[in-house]
Amino acid sequence: QREWVGSITSDGSTDYDDSVKGRFTISRDNA
């Protein structure tokens, strides 16, 4: 099944599944 990896909120807060924490990073470029 599809599984959640991580998220970024509108205020820039991020959260990750334990399986990827410390290895994956979510970021965004507003421009």
PDB file of all heavy atoms in Angstrom:
ATOM      1  N   GLN A   1       0.830  -1.193   0.000  1.00  0.00           N
ATOM      2  CA  GLN A   1       0.000   0.000   0.000  1.00  0.00           C
ATOM      3  C   GLN A   1       0.870   1.251   0.000  1.00  0.00           C
ATOM      4  O   GLN A   1       2.024   1.228   0.428  1.00  0.00           O
ATOM      5  CB  GLN A   1      -0.906  -0.001   1.233  1.00  0.00           C
ATOM      6  CG  GLN A   1      -1.997  -1.055   1.196  1.00  0.00           C
ATOM      7  CD  GLN A   1      -2.980  -0.912   2.332  1.00  0.00           C
ATOM      8  OE1 GLN A   1      -2.644  -0.409   3.403  1.00  0.00           O
ATOM      9  NE2 GLN A   1      -4.201  -1.346   2.115  1.00  0.00           N
ATOM     10  N   ARG A   2       0.280   2.328  -0.475  1.00  0.00           N
ATOM     11  CA  ARG A   2       0.975   3.612  -0.431  1.00  0.00           C
ATOM     12  C   ARG A   2       1.197   4.001   1.017  1.00  0.00           C
ATOM     13  O   ARG A   2       0.287   3.874   1.855  1.00  0.00           O
ATOM     14  CB  ARG A   2       0.168   4.684  -1.161  1.00  0.00           C
ATOM     15  CG  ARG A   2       0.889   5.995  -1.367  1.00  0.00           C
ATOM     16  CD  ARG A   2       0.083   6.949  -2.229  1.00  0.00           C
ATOM     17  NE  ARG A   2      -0.161   6.400  -3.561  1.00  0.00           N
ATOM     18  CZ  ARG A   2      -0.695   7.101  -4.563  1.00  0.00           C
ATOM     19  NH1 ARG A   2      -1.038   8.364  -4.364  1.00  0.00           N
ATOM     20  NH2 ARG A   2      -0.899   6.540  -5.725  1.00  0.00           N
ATOM     21  N   GLU A   3       2.379   4.498   1.331  1.00  0.00           N
ATOM     22  CA  GLU A   3       2.696   4.894   2.695  1.00  0.00           C
ATOM     23  C   GLU A   3       3.256   6.305   2.739  1.00  0.00           C
ATOM     24  O   GLU A   3       3.886   6.782   1.787  1.00  0.00           O
ATOM     25  CB  GLU A   3       3.704   3.916   3.327  1.00  0.00           C
ATOM     26  CG  GLU A   3       5.056   3.885   2.666  1.00  0.00           C
ATOM     27  CD  GLU A   3       6.035   2.923   3.353  1.00  0.00           C
ATOM     28  OE1 GLU A   3       5.608   2.132   4.203  1.00  0.00           O
ATOM     29  OE2 GLU A   3       7.240   2.991   3.017  1.00  0.00           O
ATOM     30  N   TRP A   4       3.011   6.922   3.861  1.00  0.00           N
ATOM     31  CA  TRP A   4       3.478   8.286   4.086  1.00  0.00           C
ATOM     32  C   TRP A   4       4.974   8.273   4.364  1.00  0.00           C
ATOM     33  O   TRP A   4       5.476   7.451   5.130  1.00  0.00           O
ATOM     34  CB  TRP A   4       2.710   8.878   5.262  1.00  0.00           C
ATOM     35  CG  TRP A   4       3.167  10.204   5.735  1.00  0.00           C
ATOM     36  CD1 TRP A   4       2.983  11.412   5.118  1.00  0.00           C
ATOM     37  CD2 TRP A   4       3.856  10.482   6.965  1.00  0.00           C
ATOM     38  NE1 TRP A   4       3.513  12.418   5.886  1.00  0.00           N
ATOM     39  CE2 TRP A   4       4.057  11.875   7.023  1.00  0.00           C
ATOM     40  CE3 TRP A   4       4.322   9.695   8.014  1.00  0.00           C
ATOM     41  CZ2 TRP A   4       4.704  12.497   8.082  1.00  0.00           C
ATOM     42  CZ3 TRP A   4       4.960  10.301   9.072  1.00  0.00           C
ATOM     43  CH2 TRP A   4       5.152  11.698   9.104  1.00  0.00           C
ATOM     44  N   VAL A   5       5.685   9.223   3.747  1.00  0.00           N
ATOM     45  CA  VAL A   5       7.120   9.371   3.954  1.00  0.00           C
ATOM     46  C   VAL A   5       7.406  10.576   4.852  1.00  0.00           C
ATOM     47  O   VAL A   5       8.173  10.488   5.811  1.00  0.00           O
ATOM     48  CB  VAL A   5       7.850   9.546   2.605  1.00  0.00           C
ATOM     49  CG1 VAL A   5       9.322   9.864   2.828  1.00  0.00           C
ATOM     50  CG2 VAL A   5       7.685   8.298   1.751  1.00  0.00           C
ATOM     51  N   GLY A   6       6.783  11.697   4.538  1.00  0.00           N
ATOM     52  CA  GLY A   6       7.003  12.906   5.321  1.00  0.00           C
ATOM     53  C   GLY A   6       6.149  14.038   4.790  1.00  0.00           C
ATOM     54  O   GLY A   6       5.544  13.934   3.718  1.00  0.00           O
ATOM     55  N   SER A   7       6.121  15.132   5.571  1.00  0.00           N
ATOM     56  CA  SER A   7       5.263  16.263   5.211  1.00  0.00           C
ATOM     57  C   SER A   7       5.937  17.571   5.562  1.00  0.00           C
ATOM     58  O   SER A   7       6.829  17.612   6.420  1.00  0.00           O
ATOM     59  CB  SER A   7       3.931  16.194   5.963  1.00  0.00           C
ATOM     60  OG  SER A   7       3.227  15.015   5.679  1.00  0.00           O
ATOM     61  N   ILE A   8       5.479  18.619   4.900  1.00  0.00           N
ATOM     62  CA  ILE A   8       5.870  19.982   5.258  1.00  0.00           C
ATOM     63  C   ILE A   8       4.597  20.817   5.312  1.00  0.00           C
ATOM     64  O   ILE A   8       3.764  20.768   4.392  1.00  0.00           O
ATOM     65  CB  ILE A   8       6.900  20.567   4.263  1.00  0.00           C
ATOM     66  CG1 ILE A   8       7.343  21.952   4.715  1.00  0.00           C
ATOM     67  CG2 ILE A   8       6.386  20.559   2.833  1.00  0.00           C
ATOM     68  CD1 ILE A   8       8.588  22.452   3.977  1.00  0.00           C
ATOM     69  N   THR A   9       4.434  21.550   6.399  1.00  0.00           N
ATOM     70  CA  THR A   9       3.232  22.355   6.564  1.00  0.00           C
ATOM     71  C   THR A   9       3.427  23.730   5.928  1.00  0.00           C
ATOM     72  O   THR A   9       4.521  24.083   5.481  1.00  0.00           O
ATOM     73  CB  THR A   9       2.896  22.527   8.046  1.00  0.00           C
ATOM     74  OG1 THR A   9       3.966  23.252   8.683  1.00  0.00           O
ATOM     75  CG2 THR A   9       2.744  21.178   8.727  1.00  0.00           C
ATOM     76  N   SER A  10       2.353  24.513   5.922  1.00  0.00           N
ATOM     77  CA  SER A  10       2.435  25.844   5.327  1.00  0.00           C
ATOM     78  C   SER A  10       3.421  26.733   6.090  1.00  0.00           C
ATOM     79  O   SER A  10       4.037  27.623   5.494  1.00  0.00           O
ATOM     80  CB  SER A  10       1.055  26.495   5.291  1.00  0.00           C
ATOM     81  OG  SER A  10       0.496  26.558   6.584  1.00  0.00           O
ATOM     82  N   ASP A  11       3.612  26.479   7.377  1.00  0.00           N
ATOM     83  CA  ASP A  11       4.566  27.299   8.127  1.00  0.00           C
ATOM     84  C   ASP A  11       5.981  26.750   8.075  1.00  0.00           C
ATOM     85  O   ASP A  11       6.882  27.282   8.720  1.00  0.00           O
ATOM     86  CB  ASP A  11       4.119  27.483   9.579  1.00  0.00           C
ATOM     87  CG  ASP A  11       4.133  26.187  10.375  1.00  0.00           C
ATOM     88  OD1 ASP A  11       4.561  25.154   9.829  1.00  0.00           O
ATOM     89  OD2 ASP A  11       3.711  26.208  11.544  1.00  0.00           O
ATOM     90  N   GLY A  12       6.180  25.668   7.288  1.00  0.00           N
ATOM     91  CA  GLY A  12       7.521  25.133   7.078  1.00  0.00           C
ATOM     92  C   GLY A  12       7.935  24.023   8.019  1.00  0.00           C
ATOM     93  O   GLY A  12       9.057  23.517   7.909  1.00  0.00           O
ATOM     94  N   SER A  13       7.079  23.624   8.913  1.00  0.00           N
ATOM     95  CA  SER A  13       7.396  22.526   9.816  1.00  0.00           C
ATOM     96  C   SER A  13       7.395  21.202   9.057  1.00  0.00           C
ATOM     97  O   SER A  13       6.554  20.990   8.180  1.00  0.00           O
ATOM     98  CB  SER A  13       6.385  22.458  10.956  1.00  0.00           C
ATOM     99  OG  SER A  13       6.400  23.648  11.716  1.00  0.00           O
ATOM    100  N   THR A  14       8.337  20.343   9.398  1.00  0.00           N
ATOM    101  CA  THR A  14       8.437  19.052   8.719  1.00  0.00           C
ATOM    102  C   THR A  14       8.307  17.897   9.715  1.00  0.00           C
ATOM    103  O   THR A  14       8.585  18.053  10.906  1.00  0.00           O
ATOM    104  CB  THR A  14       9.772  18.914   7.976  1.00  0.00           C
ATOM    105  OG1 THR A  14      10.857  19.124   8.900  1.00  0.00           O
ATOM    106  CG2 THR A  14       9.874  19.916   6.842  1.00  0.00           C
ATOM    107  N   ASP A  15       7.898  16.782   9.187  1.00  0.00           N
ATOM    108  CA  ASP A  15       7.770  15.571   9.984  1.00  0.00           C
ATOM    109  C   ASP A  15       8.028  14.387   9.056  1.00  0.00           C
ATOM    110  O   ASP A  15       7.752  14.472   7.851  1.00  0.00           O
ATOM    111  CB  ASP A  15       6.387  15.470  10.617  1.00  0.00           C
ATOM    112  CG  ASP A  15       6.325  14.436  11.729  1.00  0.00           C
ATOM    113  OD1 ASP A  15       7.393  13.973  12.191  1.00  0.00           O
ATOM    114  OD2 ASP A  15       5.206  14.059  12.129  1.00  0.00           O
ATOM    115  N   TYR A  16       8.552  13.298   9.637  1.00  0.00           N
ATOM    116  CA  TYR A  16       8.971  12.167   8.831  1.00  0.00           C
ATOM    117  C   TYR A  16       8.576  10.857   9.470  1.00  0.00           C
ATOM    118  O   TYR A  16       8.505  10.733  10.696  1.00  0.00           O
ATOM    119  CB  TYR A  16      10.495  12.174   8.641  1.00  0.00           C
ATOM    120  CG  TYR A  16      11.025  13.445   8.039  1.00  0.00           C
ATOM    121  CD1 TYR A  16      11.446  14.493   8.848  1.00  0.00           C
ATOM    122  CD2 TYR A  16      11.091  13.608   6.659  1.00  0.00           C
ATOM    123  CE1 TYR A  16      11.915  15.676   8.305  1.00  0.00           C
ATOM    124  CE2 TYR A  16      11.567  14.779   6.101  1.00  0.00           C
ATOM    125  CZ  TYR A  16      11.972  15.815   6.936  1.00  0.00           C
ATOM    126  OH  TYR A  16      12.447  16.989   6.383  1.00  0.00           O
ATOM    127  N   ASP A  17       8.373   9.864   8.621  1.00  0.00           N
ATOM    128  CA  ASP A  17       8.194   8.518   9.125  1.00  0.00           C
ATOM    129  C   ASP A  17       9.512   8.052   9.728  1.00  0.00           C
ATOM    130  O   ASP A  17      10.599   8.438   9.272  1.00  0.00           O
ATOM    131  CB  ASP A  17       7.767   7.587   7.985  1.00  0.00           C
ATOM    132  CG  ASP A  17       7.481   6.197   8.484  1.00  0.00           C
ATOM    133  OD1 ASP A  17       6.404   5.975   9.055  1.00  0.00           O
ATOM    134  OD2 ASP A  17       8.360   5.325   8.303  1.00  0.00           O
ATOM    135  N   ASP A  18       9.431   7.202  10.742  1.00  0.00           N
ATOM    136  CA  ASP A  18      10.642   6.736  11.421  1.00  0.00           C
ATOM    137  C   ASP A  18      11.602   6.026  10.463  1.00  0.00           C
ATOM    138  O   ASP A  18      12.810   6.042  10.675  1.00  0.00           O
ATOM    139  CB  ASP A  18      10.267   5.785  12.557  1.00  0.00           C
ATOM    140  CG  ASP A  18       9.693   6.522  13.759  1.00  0.00           C
ATOM    141  OD1 ASP A  18       9.837   7.765  13.828  1.00  0.00           O
ATOM    142  OD2 ASP A  18       9.097   5.860  14.622  1.00  0.00           O
ATOM    143  N   SER A  19      11.068   5.394   9.422  1.00  0.00           N
ATOM    144  CA  SER A  19      11.913   4.629   8.505  1.00  0.00           C
ATOM    145  C   SER A  19      12.861   5.511   7.689  1.00  0.00           C
ATOM    146  O   SER A  19      13.847   5.015   7.140  1.00  0.00           O
ATOM    147  CB  SER A  19      11.038   3.799   7.565  1.00  0.00           C
ATOM    148  OG  SER A  19      10.259   4.635   6.718  1.00  0.00           O
ATOM    149  N   VAL A  20      12.548   6.803   7.584  1.00  0.00           N
ATOM    150  CA  VAL A  20      13.388   7.703   6.783  1.00  0.00           C
ATOM    151  C   VAL A  20      13.980   8.827   7.608  1.00  0.00           C
ATOM    152  O   VAL A  20      14.787   9.615   7.085  1.00  0.00           O
ATOM    153  CB  VAL A  20      12.598   8.292   5.594  1.00  0.00           C
ATOM    154  CG1 VAL A  20      11.967   7.176   4.769  1.00  0.00           C
ATOM    155  CG2 VAL A  20      11.535   9.281   6.068  1.00  0.00           C
ATOM    156  N   LYS A  21      13.595   8.926   8.858  1.00  0.00           N
ATOM    157  CA  LYS A  21      14.071  10.028   9.705  1.00  0.00           C
ATOM    158  C   LYS A  21      15.588   9.996   9.788  1.00  0.00           C
ATOM    159  O   LYS A  21      16.194   8.953  10.024  1.00  0.00           O
ATOM    160  CB  LYS A  21      13.432   9.917  11.083  1.00  0.00           C
ATOM    161  CG  LYS A  21      13.435  11.189  11.894  1.00  0.00           C
ATOM    162  CD  LYS A  21      12.557  11.055  13.128  1.00  0.00           C
ATOM    163  CE  LYS A  21      11.089  10.970  12.791  1.00  0.00           C
ATOM    164  NZ  LYS A  21      10.229  10.921  13.993  1.00  0.00           N
ATOM    165  N   GLY A  22      16.203  11.159   9.578  1.00  0.00           N
ATOM    166  CA  GLY A  22      17.654  11.251   9.599  1.00  0.00           C
ATOM    167  C   GLY A  22      18.312  11.004   8.261  1.00  0.00           C
ATOM    168  O   GLY A  22      19.502  11.296   8.074  1.00  0.00           O
ATOM    169  N   ARG A  23      17.542  10.470   7.298  1.00  0.00           N
ATOM    170  CA  ARG A  23      18.092  10.204   5.953  1.00  0.00           C
ATOM    171  C   ARG A  23      17.428  11.082   4.892  1.00  0.00           C
ATOM    172  O   ARG A  23      18.065  11.473   3.923  1.00  0.00           O
ATOM    173  CB  ARG A  23      17.882   8.736   5.572  1.00  0.00           C
ATOM    174  CG  ARG A  23      18.565   7.751   6.494  1.00  0.00           C
ATOM    175  CD  ARG A  23      18.480   6.329   5.938  1.00  0.00           C
ATOM    176  NE  ARG A  23      17.107   5.857   5.823  1.00  0.00           N
ATOM    177  CZ  ARG A  23      16.583   5.398   4.692  1.00  0.00           C
ATOM    178  NH1 ARG A  23      17.298   5.365   3.569  1.00  0.00           N
ATOM    179  NH2 ARG A  23      15.322   4.955   4.668  1.00  0.00           N
ATOM    180  N   PHE A  24      16.147  11.363   5.066  1.00  0.00           N
ATOM    181  CA  PHE A  24      15.394  12.152   4.089  1.00  0.00           C
ATOM    182  C   PHE A  24      15.092  13.537   4.650  1.00  0.00           C
ATOM    183  O   PHE A  24      14.857  13.680   5.850  1.00  0.00           O
ATOM    184  CB  PHE A  24      14.070  11.475   3.747  1.00  0.00           C
ATOM    185  CG  PHE A  24      14.181  10.194   2.962  1.00  0.00           C
ATOM    186  CD1 PHE A  24      15.397   9.558   2.753  1.00  0.00           C
ATOM    187  CD2 PHE A  24      13.042   9.614   2.430  1.00  0.00           C
ATOM    188  CE1 PHE A  24      15.488   8.380   2.035  1.00  0.00           C
ATOM    189  CE2 PHE A  24      13.100   8.430   1.702  1.00  0.00           C
ATOM    190  CZ  PHE A  24      14.336   7.818   1.511  1.00  0.00           C
ATOM    191  N   THR A  25      15.073  14.521   3.774  1.00  0.00           N
ATOM    192  CA  THR A  25      14.764  15.894   4.173  1.00  0.00           C
ATOM    193  C   THR A  25      13.823  16.524   3.159  1.00  0.00           C
ATOM    194  O   THR A  25      14.077  16.473   1.956  1.00  0.00           O
ATOM    195  CB  THR A  25      16.033  16.745   4.266  1.00  0.00           C
ATOM    196  OG1 THR A  25      16.950  16.136   5.184  1.00  0.00           O
ATOM    197  CG2 THR A  25      15.702  18.150   4.753  1.00  0.00           C
ATOM    198  N   ILE A  26      12.746  17.112   3.659  1.00  0.00           N
ATOM    199  CA  ILE A  26      11.797  17.832   2.810  1.00  0.00           C
ATOM    200  C   ILE A  26      12.069  19.325   2.922  1.00  0.00           C
ATOM    201  O   ILE A  26      12.260  19.848   4.026  1.00  0.00           O
ATOM    202  CB  ILE A  26      10.349  17.533   3.220  1.00  0.00           C
ATOM    203  CG1 ILE A  26      10.032  16.050   3.011  1.00  0.00           C
ATOM    204  CG2 ILE A  26       9.372  18.390   2.405  1.00  0.00           C
ATOM    205  CD1 ILE A  26       8.662  15.638   3.514  1.00  0.00           C
ATOM    206  N   SER A  27      12.079  19.982   1.784  1.00  0.00           N
ATOM    207  CA  SER A  27      12.259  21.433   1.767  1.00  0.00           C
ATOM    208  C   SER A  27      11.402  22.006   0.647  1.00  0.00           C
ATOM    209  O   SER A  27      10.801  21.249  -0.144  1.00  0.00           O
ATOM    210  CB  SER A  27      13.727  21.791   1.548  1.00  0.00           C
ATOM    211  OG  SER A  27      14.172  21.324   0.292  1.00  0.00           O
ATOM    212  N   ARG A  28      11.347  23.301   0.566  1.00  0.00           N
ATOM    213  CA  ARG A  28      10.585  23.925  -0.521  1.00  0.00           C
ATOM    214  C   ARG A  28      11.263  25.224  -0.942  1.00  0.00           C
ATOM    215  O   ARG A  28      11.993  25.852  -0.171  1.00  0.00           O
ATOM    216  CB  ARG A  28       9.138  24.190  -0.100  1.00  0.00           C
ATOM    217  CG  ARG A  28       8.966  25.274   0.924  1.00  0.00           C
ATOM    218  CD  ARG A  28       7.508  25.411   1.353  1.00  0.00           C
ATOM    219  NE  ARG A  28       7.367  26.497   2.303  1.00  0.00           N
ATOM    220  CZ  ARG A  28       6.427  26.551   3.225  1.00  0.00           C
ATOM    221  NH1 ARG A  28       5.524  25.577   3.314  1.00  0.00           N
ATOM    222  NH2 ARG A  28       6.356  27.575   4.039  1.00  0.00           N
ATOM    223  N   ASP A  29      11.009  25.574  -2.198  1.00  0.00           N
ATOM    224  CA  ASP A  29      11.486  26.827  -2.764  1.00  0.00           C
ATOM    225  C   ASP A  29      10.245  27.607  -3.179  1.00  0.00           C
ATOM    226  O   ASP A  29       9.607  27.270  -4.192  1.00  0.00           O
ATOM    227  CB  ASP A  29      12.394  26.549  -3.956  1.00  0.00           C
ATOM    228  CG  ASP A  29      13.030  27.798  -4.537  1.00  0.00           C
ATOM    229  OD1 ASP A  29      12.393  28.878  -4.468  1.00  0.00           O
ATOM    230  OD2 ASP A  29      14.138  27.696  -5.067  1.00  0.00           O
ATOM    231  N   ASN A  30       9.892  28.606  -2.397  1.00  0.00           N
ATOM    232  CA  ASN A  30       8.668  29.356  -2.675  1.00  0.00           C
ATOM    233  C   ASN A  30       8.750  30.080  -4.020  1.00  0.00           C
ATOM    234  O   ASN A  30       7.743  30.206  -4.725  1.00  0.00           O
ATOM    235  CB  ASN A  30       8.385  30.348  -1.561  1.00  0.00           C
ATOM    236  CG  ASN A  30       8.037  29.652  -0.255  1.00  0.00           C
ATOM    237  OD1 ASN A  30       7.667  28.481  -0.238  1.00  0.00           O
ATOM    238  ND2 ASN A  30       8.184  30.372   0.857  1.00  0.00           N
ATOM    239  N   ALA A  31       9.933  30.543  -4.387  1.00  0.00           N
ATOM    240  CA  ALA A  31      10.091  31.262  -5.646  1.00  0.00           C
ATOM    241  C   ALA A  31       9.828  30.349  -6.848  1.00  0.00           C
ATOM    242  O   ALA A  31       9.289  30.793  -7.866  1.00  0.00           O
ATOM    243  CB  ALA A  31      11.478  31.863  -5.735  1.00  0.00           C
TER     244      ALA A  31
END
